[in-house]
Every structure is written in structure tokens, then in C-alpha cells.
């Protein structure tokens, strides 16, 4: 049964997989390998996702979670962790400089 994308992340992943596989009507709960995805397309999809979202699922992520909804969740998690890490680095830098410490390149996160 076809399940439509529910948010913008699933919509983007759905569009990328449809273009990559040359098919439309792939539901977010469908197994991408059942629609003919092969290992070369997995590699290309990972690169397209990194370009689109700034985060790339691992090969294990794709092979163990081969649905659009699962890949979208992985991307949401990876981008949230990335944002937390960047914010944490900023606040560490801010704290160090507010303490009157000289921040060198080796201190930056």
C-alpha cells in the first residue's frame, strides 16, 4: 500500500530516490531494493543525500533501513547531532574567551 511522504525530509528523499530509480509511486514504507535499487545506486543516493542535507547515511544505514521513512529519520538524527556539535563548539569557544583565555587553533572544536 502506498504511503505518501509526511514531511519535507521524506519528500526530498522520495524525490531523490524516484529520480535515481526512474520510478514514481515509491511509498515511504516501501523497501527500495524491491524497487530495483542496486549497490551503485546506494552509493549515488548517499552522495545526493549528503549534498542535499549535509549528512550522509552510512552503507549499513541504507542496507539495514532501506525505506524512505527510515532514511529520513536517520538524516534528521544526523543533522540534529551535527547542529548540537557545532553549537557545543561555539559555546566552548565563547566560554574560553569570556574567561580571558587566549583561544588558539588547537582549542577550537
C-alpha atoms as a PDB file:
ATOM      1  CA  UNK A   1       0.000   0.000   0.000  1.00  0.00           C
ATOM      2  CA  UNK A   2       1.372   3.418  -0.996  1.00  0.00           C
ATOM      3  CA  UNK A   3       2.217   5.754   1.899  1.00  0.00           C
ATOM      4  CA  UNK A   4       2.942   9.363   0.886  1.00  0.00           C
ATOM      5  CA  UNK A   5       5.760  11.463   2.366  1.00  0.00           C
ATOM      6  CA  UNK A   6       4.706  13.154   5.603  1.00  0.00           C
ATOM      7  CA  UNK A   7       7.259  15.955   5.891  1.00  0.00           C
ATOM      8  CA  UNK A   8       9.827  17.859   3.842  1.00  0.00           C
ATOM      9  CA  UNK A   9      12.668  15.432   4.641  1.00  0.00           C
ATOM     10  CA  UNK A  10      10.678  12.411   3.425  1.00  0.00           C
ATOM     11  CA  UNK A  11       9.574  14.453   0.397  1.00  0.00           C
ATOM     12  CA  UNK A  12      13.181  15.246  -0.591  1.00  0.00           C
ATOM     13  CA  UNK A  13      14.371  11.669  -0.033  1.00  0.00           C
ATOM     14  CA  UNK A  14      11.379  10.405  -2.018  1.00  0.00           C
ATOM     15  CA  UNK A  15      12.111  12.749  -4.915  1.00  0.00           C
ATOM     16  CA  UNK A  16      15.797  11.770  -4.980  1.00  0.00           C
ATOM     17  CA  UNK A  17      15.053   8.037  -4.939  1.00  0.00           C
ATOM     18  CA  UNK A  18      12.374   8.396  -7.635  1.00  0.00           C
ATOM     19  CA  UNK A  19      14.816  10.240  -9.900  1.00  0.00           C
ATOM     20  CA  UNK A  20      17.588   7.771  -9.168  1.00  0.00           C
ATOM     21  CA  UNK A  21      15.432   4.701  -9.839  1.00  0.00           C
ATOM     22  CA  UNK A  22      13.485   6.271 -12.685  1.00  0.00           C
ATOM     23  CA  UNK A  23      10.205   5.392 -10.966  1.00  0.00           C
ATOM     24  CA  UNK A  24       7.364   7.229  -9.361  1.00  0.00           C
ATOM     25  CA  UNK A  25       4.939   5.993  -6.740  1.00  0.00           C
ATOM     26  CA  UNK A  26       7.516   4.695  -4.271  1.00  0.00           C
ATOM     27  CA  UNK A  27       5.914   4.854  -0.843  1.00  0.00           C
ATOM     28  CA  UNK A  28       7.871   5.886   2.232  1.00  0.00           C
ATOM     29  CA  UNK A  29       7.449   2.406   3.744  1.00  0.00           C
ATOM     30  CA  UNK A  30       8.484   0.532   0.573  1.00  0.00           C
ATOM     31  CA  UNK A  31      11.787  -1.347   0.532  1.00  0.00           C
ATOM     32  CA  UNK A  32      13.968   0.445  -2.021  1.00  0.00           C
ATOM     33  CA  UNK A  33      15.653  -2.810  -3.019  1.00  0.00           C
ATOM     34  CA  UNK A  34      12.250  -4.219  -4.000  1.00  0.00           C
ATOM     35  CA  UNK A  35      12.075  -1.317  -6.474  1.00  0.00           C
ATOM     36  CA  UNK A  36      15.378  -2.322  -8.056  1.00  0.00           C
ATOM     37  CA  UNK A  37      17.956  -0.275  -6.160  1.00  0.00           C
ATOM     38  CA  UNK A  38      21.451  -1.735  -6.526  1.00  0.00           C
ATOM     39  CA  UNK A  39      24.785  -1.066  -4.828  1.00  0.00           C
ATOM     40  CA  UNK A  40      25.855   1.630  -7.305  1.00  0.00           C
ATOM     41  CA  UNK A  41      22.593   3.462  -6.762  1.00  0.00           C
ATOM     42  CA  UNK A  42      23.082   3.180  -2.988  1.00  0.00           C
ATOM     43  CA  UNK A  43      26.440   4.944  -3.370  1.00  0.00           C
ATOM     44  CA  UNK A  44      24.892   7.639  -5.562  1.00  0.00           C
ATOM     45  CA  UNK A  45      21.948   8.105  -3.188  1.00  0.00           C
ATOM     46  CA  UNK A  46      24.316   8.578  -0.242  1.00  0.00           C
ATOM     47  CA  UNK A  47      26.169  11.320  -2.148  1.00  0.00           C
ATOM     48  CA  UNK A  48      22.925  13.014  -3.189  1.00  0.00           C
ATOM     49  CA  UNK A  49      21.691  12.974   0.405  1.00  0.00           C
ATOM     50  CA  UNK A  50      24.947  14.479   1.647  1.00  0.00           C
ATOM     51  CA  UNK A  51      24.676  17.227  -0.976  1.00  0.00           C
ATOM     52  CA  UNK A  52      21.018  17.913  -0.090  1.00  0.00           C
ATOM     53  CA  UNK A  53      21.147  17.585   3.708  1.00  0.00           C
ATOM     54  CA  UNK A  54      24.804  17.936   4.646  1.00  0.00           C
ATOM     55  CA  UNK A  55      24.670  14.481   6.223  1.00  0.00           C
ATOM     56  CA  UNK A  56      25.315  11.112   4.662  1.00  0.00           C
ATOM     57  CA  UNK A  57      23.909   7.815   5.924  1.00  0.00           C
ATOM     58  CA  UNK A  58      26.455   5.012   6.194  1.00  0.00           C
ATOM     59  CA  UNK A  59      26.255   1.963   3.959  1.00  0.00           C
ATOM     60  CA  UNK A  60      24.959  -0.004   6.942  1.00  0.00           C
ATOM     61  CA  UNK A  61      22.273   2.657   7.482  1.00  0.00           C
ATOM     62  CA  UNK A  62      20.991   2.187   3.937  1.00  0.00           C
ATOM     63  CA  UNK A  63      21.182  -1.599   3.836  1.00  0.00           C
ATOM     64  CA  UNK A  64      19.600  -2.062   7.268  1.00  0.00           C
ATOM     65  CA  UNK A  65      16.976   0.692   6.825  1.00  0.00           C
ATOM     66  CA  UNK A  66      16.065   0.609   3.133  1.00  0.00           C
ATOM     67  CA  UNK A  67      12.886   2.688   3.310  1.00  0.00           C
ATOM     68  CA  UNK A  68      12.411   6.392   2.730  1.00  0.00           C
ATOM     69  CA  UNK A  69      10.918   6.899   6.195  1.00  0.00           C
ATOM     70  CA  UNK A  70      13.886   5.190   7.886  1.00  0.00           C
ATOM     71  CA  UNK A  71      16.453   7.112   5.834  1.00  0.00           C
ATOM     72  CA  UNK A  72      14.631  10.366   6.602  1.00  0.00           C
ATOM     73  CA  UNK A  73      14.780   9.577  10.326  1.00  0.00           C
ATOM     74  CA  UNK A  74      18.498   8.837  10.089  1.00  0.00           C
ATOM     75  CA  UNK A  75      19.057  12.136   8.288  1.00  0.00           C
ATOM     76  CA  UNK A  76      17.039  14.038  10.893  1.00  0.00           C
ATOM     77  CA  UNK A  77      19.102  12.420  13.663  1.00  0.00           C
ATOM     78  CA  UNK A  78      22.433  13.088  11.924  1.00  0.00           C
ATOM     79  CA  UNK A  79      21.636  16.719  11.161  1.00  0.00           C
ATOM     80  CA  UNK A  80      20.399  17.299  14.729  1.00  0.00           C
ATOM     81  CA  UNK A  81      23.606  15.799  16.176  1.00  0.00           C
ATOM     82  CA  UNK A  82      25.682  17.883  13.783  1.00  0.00           C
ATOM     83  CA  UNK A  83      23.876  21.063  14.858  1.00  0.00           C
ATOM     84  CA  UNK A  84      24.341  20.141  18.541  1.00  0.00           C
ATOM     85  CA  UNK A  85      28.068  19.563  17.998  1.00  0.00           C
ATOM     86  CA  UNK A  86      28.502  22.872  16.183  1.00  0.00           C
ATOM     87  CA  UNK A  87      26.556  24.711  18.880  1.00  0.00           C
ATOM     88  CA  UNK A  88      28.590  22.983  21.583  1.00  0.00           C
ATOM     89  CA  UNK A  89      31.837  24.060  19.906  1.00  0.00           C
ATOM     90  CA  UNK A  90      30.612  27.651  19.734  1.00  0.00           C
ATOM     91  CA  UNK A  91      29.668  27.726  23.397  1.00  0.00           C
ATOM     92  CA  UNK A  92      33.023  26.193  24.414  1.00  0.00           C
ATOM     93  CA  UNK A  93      34.815  28.897  22.417  1.00  0.00           C
ATOM     94  CA  UNK A  94      32.595  31.571  23.967  1.00  0.00           C
ATOM     95  CA  UNK A  95      33.271  30.283  27.486  1.00  0.00           C
ATOM     96  CA  UNK A  96      37.029  30.114  26.925  1.00  0.00           C
ATOM     97  CA  UNK A  97      37.188  33.646  25.541  1.00  0.00           C
ATOM     98  CA  UNK A  98      34.950  35.028  28.301  1.00  0.00           C
ATOM     99  CA  UNK A  99      37.367  33.590  30.875  1.00  0.00           C
ATOM    100  CA  UNK A 100      40.110  35.712  29.344  1.00  0.00           C
ATOM    101  CA  UNK A 101      41.863  32.736  27.806  1.00  0.00           C
ATOM    102  CA  UNK A 102      43.570  33.068  24.502  1.00  0.00           C
ATOM    103  CA  UNK A 103      41.952  30.645  22.082  1.00  0.00           C
ATOM    104  CA  UNK A 104      44.325  29.100  19.599  1.00  0.00           C
ATOM    105  CA  UNK A 105      43.565  26.819  16.712  1.00  0.00           C
ATOM    106  CA  UNK A 106      44.250  23.755  18.882  1.00  0.00           C
ATOM    107  CA  UNK A 107      41.469  24.804  21.290  1.00  0.00           C
ATOM    108  CA  UNK A 108      38.789  25.054  18.657  1.00  0.00           C
ATOM    109  CA  UNK A 109      36.336  22.227  18.340  1.00  0.00           C
END
